[in-house]
N, C-alpha and C. Protein backbone atom coordinates (compact mmCIF):
# COMPACT_ATOMS: atom_id res chain seq x y z
N UNK A 1 169.26 240.06 -39.96
CA UNK A 1 168.47 240.29 -38.62
C UNK A 1 168.35 239.08 -37.66
N UNK A 2 168.49 237.96 -38.07
CA UNK A 2 168.43 236.82 -37.05
C UNK A 2 169.86 237.00 -36.51
N UNK A 3 170.92 237.40 -36.99
CA UNK A 3 172.20 237.52 -36.39
C UNK A 3 172.16 238.30 -35.41
N UNK A 4 171.58 239.54 -35.36
CA UNK A 4 171.40 240.47 -34.40
C UNK A 4 170.75 240.02 -33.13
N UNK A 5 169.64 239.18 -33.31
CA UNK A 5 168.89 238.68 -32.34
C UNK A 5 169.82 237.58 -31.28
N UNK A 6 170.48 236.72 -32.19
CA UNK A 6 171.46 235.87 -31.63
C UNK A 6 172.43 236.41 -30.97
N UNK A 7 173.06 237.42 -31.24
CA UNK A 7 173.99 238.18 -30.25
C UNK A 7 173.29 238.69 -28.86
N UNK A 8 172.21 239.39 -29.19
CA UNK A 8 171.62 239.93 -27.78
C UNK A 8 171.17 238.73 -27.05
N UNK A 9 170.79 237.58 -27.49
CA UNK A 9 170.39 236.27 -26.72
C UNK A 9 171.55 235.78 -25.98
N UNK A 10 172.71 235.81 -26.76
CA UNK A 10 173.91 235.23 -26.09
C UNK A 10 174.40 236.05 -24.98
N UNK A 11 174.26 237.54 -25.18
CA UNK A 11 174.98 238.12 -24.13
C UNK A 11 174.10 238.11 -22.67
N UNK A 12 172.73 237.98 -22.98
CA UNK A 12 171.93 237.85 -21.72
C UNK A 12 172.38 236.33 -21.09
N UNK A 13 172.72 235.38 -21.76
CA UNK A 13 173.05 234.07 -21.22
C UNK A 13 174.46 233.99 -20.78
N UNK A 14 175.27 235.01 -21.19
CA UNK A 14 176.81 234.67 -20.73
C UNK A 14 176.99 235.19 -19.13
N UNK A 15 176.06 235.86 -18.52
CA UNK A 15 175.95 236.43 -17.29
C UNK A 15 176.06 235.23 -16.25
N UNK A 16 176.60 235.27 -15.03
CA UNK A 16 176.71 234.20 -14.20
C UNK A 16 175.48 234.45 -13.08
N UNK A 17 174.69 233.36 -12.81
CA UNK A 17 173.60 233.63 -11.88
C UNK A 17 174.24 233.57 -10.55
N UNK A 18 173.96 234.63 -10.00
CA UNK A 18 174.44 234.87 -8.36
C UNK A 18 173.58 234.48 -7.38
N UNK A 19 172.25 234.19 -7.80
CA UNK A 19 171.45 233.74 -6.67
C UNK A 19 171.84 232.57 -5.70
N UNK A 20 172.53 231.56 -6.30
CA UNK A 20 172.85 230.50 -5.33
C UNK A 20 174.05 230.99 -4.38
N UNK A 21 174.76 231.85 -4.90
CA UNK A 21 176.07 232.33 -4.06
C UNK A 21 175.45 233.09 -2.94
N UNK A 22 174.50 233.91 -3.40
CA UNK A 22 173.85 234.83 -2.24
C UNK A 22 173.16 233.96 -1.29
N UNK A 23 172.51 232.86 -1.58
CA UNK A 23 171.78 232.10 -0.79
C UNK A 23 172.70 231.65 0.21
N UNK A 24 173.81 231.09 -0.19
CA UNK A 24 175.03 230.39 0.44
C UNK A 24 175.44 231.35 1.43
N UNK A 25 175.71 232.67 1.06
CA UNK A 25 176.22 233.57 1.91
C UNK A 25 175.36 233.99 3.11
N UNK A 26 173.92 234.09 2.66
CA UNK A 26 173.07 234.39 3.85
C UNK A 26 172.79 233.05 4.86
N UNK A 27 173.04 231.95 4.29
CA UNK A 27 173.14 230.83 5.20
C UNK A 27 174.24 230.73 6.31
N UNK A 28 175.48 231.06 5.52
CA UNK A 28 176.71 231.18 6.35
C UNK A 28 176.60 232.30 7.43
N UNK A 29 176.03 233.39 7.18
CA UNK A 29 175.82 234.52 8.08
C UNK A 29 174.93 234.13 9.10
N UNK A 30 173.89 233.43 8.85
CA UNK A 30 173.18 233.19 9.88
C UNK A 30 173.96 232.14 10.77
N UNK A 31 174.51 231.14 10.04
CA UNK A 31 175.22 230.04 10.97
C UNK A 31 176.21 230.56 11.93
N UNK A 32 176.88 231.60 11.51
CA UNK A 32 177.91 232.34 12.29
C UNK A 32 177.13 233.33 13.38
N UNK A 33 176.16 233.74 13.25
CA UNK A 33 175.67 234.61 14.00
C UNK A 33 174.91 233.87 15.20
N UNK A 34 174.41 232.57 14.73
CA UNK A 34 173.71 231.60 15.65
C UNK A 34 174.92 231.04 16.81
N UNK A 35 176.01 230.72 16.00
CA UNK A 35 177.01 229.95 16.83
C UNK A 35 178.03 230.72 17.47
N UNK A 36 178.01 232.00 17.30
CA UNK A 36 178.94 232.95 17.87
C UNK A 36 178.75 233.06 19.44
N UNK A 37 179.85 233.05 20.08
CA UNK A 37 180.03 233.21 21.51
C UNK A 37 179.82 234.68 21.95
N UNK A 38 178.90 235.04 22.63
CA UNK A 38 178.69 236.39 23.16
C UNK A 38 179.38 236.45 24.50
N UNK A 39 180.20 237.44 24.61
CA UNK A 39 180.73 237.64 25.94
C UNK A 39 179.82 238.44 26.95
N UNK A 40 179.97 237.94 28.14
CA UNK A 40 179.18 238.54 29.33
C UNK A 40 179.99 239.50 29.77
N UNK A 41 180.21 240.80 29.51
CA UNK A 41 181.03 241.79 29.93
C UNK A 41 180.47 242.31 31.06
N UNK A 42 181.23 242.40 32.38
CA UNK A 42 180.67 242.95 33.44
C UNK A 42 181.43 244.32 33.66
N UNK A 43 180.97 245.22 34.35
CA UNK A 43 181.53 246.39 34.67
C UNK A 43 180.96 246.85 35.96
N UNK A 44 181.78 247.86 36.40
CA UNK A 44 181.32 248.47 37.70
C UNK A 44 180.60 249.88 37.40
N UNK A 45 179.47 250.03 38.12
CA UNK A 45 178.85 251.44 38.04
C UNK A 45 179.11 252.24 39.08
N UNK A 46 179.95 253.36 38.64
CA UNK A 46 180.50 254.27 39.62
C UNK A 46 179.41 255.47 39.81
N UNK A 47 178.35 255.40 39.20
CA UNK A 47 177.46 256.58 39.31
C UNK A 47 176.20 256.14 39.87
N UNK A 48 175.53 257.06 40.67
CA UNK A 48 174.31 256.78 41.19
C UNK A 48 173.18 257.18 40.22
N UNK A 49 171.79 257.01 40.59
CA UNK A 49 171.00 257.54 39.92
C UNK A 49 170.82 258.91 39.51
N UNK A 50 171.37 259.72 40.56
CA UNK A 50 171.21 261.04 40.18
C UNK A 50 172.66 261.73 39.54
N UNK A 51 173.43 260.84 39.08
CA UNK A 51 174.73 261.28 38.42
C UNK A 51 175.80 261.66 39.42
N UNK A 52 175.63 261.51 40.59
CA UNK A 52 176.66 261.64 41.49
C UNK A 52 177.83 260.46 41.72
N UNK A 53 178.91 260.52 42.00
CA UNK A 53 179.77 259.59 42.14
C UNK A 53 179.59 259.15 43.75
N UNK A 54 179.39 257.91 43.88
CA UNK A 54 179.24 257.30 45.17
C UNK A 54 180.46 257.47 45.98
N UNK A 55 180.28 257.42 47.58
CA UNK A 55 181.61 257.64 48.29
C UNK A 55 182.43 256.45 48.19
N UNK A 56 183.93 256.77 48.73
CA UNK A 56 184.71 255.66 48.44
C UNK A 56 184.37 254.34 49.11
N UNK A 57 185.26 253.22 49.10
CA UNK A 57 184.81 252.00 49.78
C UNK A 57 184.96 252.42 51.34
N UNK A 58 184.42 251.51 51.86
CA UNK A 58 184.34 251.61 53.45
C UNK A 58 185.58 250.60 53.98
N UNK A 59 186.11 249.75 53.03
CA UNK A 59 187.16 248.94 53.42
C UNK A 59 188.53 249.43 52.77
N UNK A 60 189.52 249.00 53.53
CA UNK A 60 190.87 249.72 53.07
C UNK A 60 191.29 249.00 51.79
N UNK A 61 191.86 249.71 50.84
CA UNK A 61 192.06 249.15 49.51
C UNK A 61 193.79 248.95 49.31
N UNK A 62 194.21 248.23 48.49
CA UNK A 62 195.57 248.25 48.14
C UNK A 62 195.63 248.80 46.50
N UNK A 63 196.28 249.78 46.57
CA UNK A 63 196.45 250.54 45.11
C UNK A 63 197.32 249.92 44.25
N UNK A 64 197.03 249.35 43.03
CA UNK A 64 197.93 248.87 42.10
C UNK A 64 197.85 249.61 40.80
N UNK A 65 198.80 250.27 40.34
CA UNK A 65 198.74 251.17 39.21
C UNK A 65 199.64 250.73 38.17
N UNK A 66 199.28 250.38 36.85
CA UNK A 66 200.19 250.23 35.96
C UNK A 66 200.00 251.60 34.85
N UNK A 67 201.08 252.26 34.55
CA UNK A 67 201.20 253.62 33.67
C UNK A 67 201.22 253.06 32.23
N UNK A 68 201.31 254.33 31.39
CA UNK A 68 201.41 253.82 30.08
C UNK A 68 202.75 253.17 29.43
N UNK A 69 203.77 253.21 30.38
CA UNK A 69 205.10 252.51 30.01
C UNK A 69 205.07 251.14 30.67
N UNK A 70 203.98 250.65 31.01
CA UNK A 70 203.94 249.30 31.76
C UNK A 70 204.55 249.19 32.95
N UNK A 71 204.80 250.29 33.95
CA UNK A 71 205.52 250.24 35.12
C UNK A 71 204.48 250.08 36.14
N UNK A 72 204.60 249.10 36.86
CA UNK A 72 203.66 248.69 37.93
C UNK A 72 204.23 249.06 39.30
N UNK A 73 203.16 249.79 40.01
CA UNK A 73 203.42 250.39 41.30
C UNK A 73 202.45 249.90 42.37
N UNK A 74 202.70 249.42 43.41
CA UNK A 74 201.81 249.08 44.42
C UNK A 74 201.91 249.93 45.53
N UNK A 75 200.87 250.61 46.10
CA UNK A 75 200.93 251.66 46.99
C UNK A 75 202.05 252.65 46.88
N UNK A 76 202.19 253.24 45.52
CA UNK A 76 203.09 254.19 45.25
C UNK A 76 204.53 253.71 45.07
N UNK A 77 204.90 252.47 45.03
CA UNK A 77 206.32 251.78 45.02
C UNK A 77 206.29 251.17 44.02
N UNK A 78 207.29 251.53 43.03
CA UNK A 78 207.39 250.71 41.75
C UNK A 78 208.11 249.31 42.01
N UNK A 79 207.22 248.38 41.32
CA UNK A 79 207.56 246.89 41.82
C UNK A 79 207.81 246.03 40.37
N UNK A 80 208.80 245.21 40.25
CA UNK A 80 208.71 244.40 39.04
C UNK A 80 207.49 243.53 38.80
N UNK A 81 207.02 243.22 37.79
CA UNK A 81 205.83 242.59 37.59
C UNK A 81 206.06 241.24 38.29
N UNK A 82 207.04 240.56 38.46
CA UNK A 82 207.27 239.25 39.01
C UNK A 82 207.01 239.27 40.60
N UNK A 83 207.21 240.49 41.05
CA UNK A 83 206.97 240.63 42.61
C UNK A 83 205.78 241.31 42.88
N UNK A 84 204.64 241.39 42.02
CA UNK A 84 203.40 242.10 42.46
C UNK A 84 202.78 241.43 43.29
N UNK A 85 202.80 239.94 43.14
CA UNK A 85 201.67 239.31 44.11
C UNK A 85 202.45 239.26 45.48
N UNK A 86 203.74 239.27 45.41
CA UNK A 86 204.39 239.26 46.97
C UNK A 86 204.31 240.53 47.62
N UNK A 87 204.31 241.63 46.92
CA UNK A 87 203.91 243.00 47.40
C UNK A 87 202.74 243.07 47.83
N UNK A 88 201.60 242.61 47.14
CA UNK A 88 200.15 242.60 47.52
C UNK A 88 200.20 241.82 49.18
N UNK A 89 200.77 240.63 49.04
CA UNK A 89 200.71 239.86 50.02
C UNK A 89 201.12 240.51 51.36
N UNK A 90 202.39 241.24 51.12
CA UNK A 90 203.04 241.89 52.38
C UNK A 90 201.99 243.04 52.70
N UNK A 91 201.26 243.51 51.79
CA UNK A 91 200.36 244.75 52.35
C UNK A 91 199.11 244.23 52.92
N UNK A 92 198.65 242.88 52.52
CA UNK A 92 197.61 242.10 53.14
C UNK A 92 197.89 241.81 54.48
N UNK A 93 199.24 241.55 54.89
CA UNK A 93 199.55 241.22 56.17
C UNK A 93 199.27 242.32 57.25
N UNK A 94 199.72 243.61 56.44
CA UNK A 94 199.58 244.64 57.38
C UNK A 94 198.11 245.24 57.57
N UNK A 95 197.30 245.04 56.48
CA UNK A 95 195.92 245.19 56.49
C UNK A 95 194.80 244.09 56.03
N UNK A 96 194.65 243.25 56.96
CA UNK A 96 193.78 242.27 56.59
C UNK A 96 192.45 242.66 56.22
N UNK A 97 191.92 241.96 55.16
CA UNK A 97 190.61 242.20 54.73
C UNK A 97 190.58 243.44 53.63
N UNK A 98 191.78 243.91 53.22
CA UNK A 98 191.85 244.86 52.57
C UNK A 98 191.47 244.57 51.01
N UNK A 99 190.77 245.24 50.12
CA UNK A 99 190.63 244.94 48.81
C UNK A 99 191.61 245.47 47.81
N UNK A 100 191.94 244.72 46.73
CA UNK A 100 192.95 245.12 46.01
C UNK A 100 192.29 245.50 44.29
């Protein structure tokens, strides 16, 4: 009978105590949450309080479009990526004060 008690006692002692590991995990979790850099994402609100889309801009704009195939067009004209800035500058000469 003492042999049976010894086996059950040993089986309880063979398990690994996970409490210290859980403590370390929670401390690391708190550390990474506190030290994380939160991005300040800014966006444009295109809706008004009543849900209507506001009218277009009052200043002239220069349209720059990049499609799904990474083809860039400035004001409807396909332009290589290296020449986008030059093309925008060319349009700015014709329309000073334009937004892009």
